[in-house]
Amino acid sequence: MAVWFLLPALILLGAWVVYPIIYSIWRSLFDASGNSFVGLGNYGSIFTDPATLTTIRNNLIWVVVAPSLVTLLGLIFAVLSERIRWVTAFKLVLFMPMAVSFLASGVIFRLVYDADPDKGVANAVITTVRDVFASNTGYPGARPRENDASPDAAQNGAVVTKQPAQPGQTVLLPLVGLRPDAVADAAPATAATATPGSLTGTVWLDFTQGGGGAPNQVDGTEKGLEGITVEAVSDGQVRATTTTAADGTFSFANLPAGSYTVRLPQDNFSAPFNGLQWLGPTLITPAIIGAYIWVYAGFAMVLIAAGLSAIPRDALEAARIDGATEWQVFRRITVPLLSPVLLVVFVTMIINVLKVFDLVFVIAPGSVQPQANVIALEMWRVSFGGGNNQGLGSALAIFLLVLVLPFMFFNIRRFRRDNQ
């Protein structure tokens, strides 16, 4: 009777698990056409092809980084959830990403990591924080007129005056090369006034839209360049630094007597900082791991919180009565008692990251997918994504299965031991 009840499940298990594994092993021994027997040649290609070696390296990064951070954040959130009043809302918000599919999560983070700070949340936050501590003003493309720059003006991209100036004189630094719409909101430029004991000047866009105006003179419709860094240089050393006002004027007060060269450093003509290239080849893997952590941190928190609630409270209270601090209670009591749960969560996360596919496929642009590639995605690309080599794809599938099996057996043995 037991056999008859188990038979439907055994048939489904054989059709969906056993047969695909056996057929994949068999198919991995043949070439792309499936007609020529190549033995272990496809498995050899896995460890000799540079693209496949990149996927193995990326999977190793995933296995080391993602499960550790997910488990750590889950532990922190679980401990915090016991010390706040609105614990239900806290857990709901953190667990909510688990209700979203990986495909939708990938679309969300593709937008979060957009390079444009006006669209991407990540770069919007970074640029906002940076602007608090540093100016983000830049005028890329601005340059002096050819006959206004000194012979070494191009050195390091800086703009340097031809003639030295002394305190009490006025220096004019006209620039060109900017589109009028780039300074459309700028204030009109003002000619600086000579002040005894101070070296003053004006930096402005020496261009009158529609024609007119005199070169090297501040005309009424021309725009001042605000926020430009200006240096007073003497004997090769920077003696003073200031920035231009909204009308482009600047002033060095209380300069010692002498001759000074006025210099506009190259930083003035660099493009403003607009954040990081999250979807570039350098940061693409950490960016995708960040999206994975966002999805699974709540899941780890729920599992760890369940284990935390099962810890005997008398052990914690006894430690506090004996004079232990909260950090000592956490490190010496809570974490050791939670170690079985933490280990299960950690191993489960390893199994998940070995099979990650959706996030990498959706978040990584096509141009950087080779740098973000993982084994599961490479298996799909080789087999169905244009490679049409199901022999190598089957070998990758079996290789991935071999990587996952030890962690699955470890979890099963631990579950059985705990049940006993």
Foldseek 3Di string as FASTA:
>chain_A
DVCVVCVVVVVVCCVPPVVVLVVLVVLLQAWLVSPHGNGCVLVVCCVVPPLNVLQVVLLVVCLVPQLVVLLVLLLVLLVVLVVDDPSVVSLCVLQVLLVPDLQVLLVVLLQLLDLFLVGHVQLVVVVVVVVVPDPQAAAAQKDADPVQAAPCCPPQQKGKGNFWDWQQDEDETEIEGGDCVVCVVFDQADADDGDHQKYKYFYWHQDDPPDDDDPRDRDGPTGGRWFFKKFWDDPRHTPDIDTAHSNRMDMDHNDPTDITMIMGHNRRNDHGDRGDNCQDLPNVSVSLSVSVSSNSSSVSNVQLSVQQVPFDVVVLVVCVVVPDDPVCCCVVPVCVSSVVSSVLSSLVSSLVSLQDASNLVSNHPPVNSSSNHHLNNVLCCCCPVPVSISNSSSSSVVVSVVVSVVSVVVNVVSVVVVVD
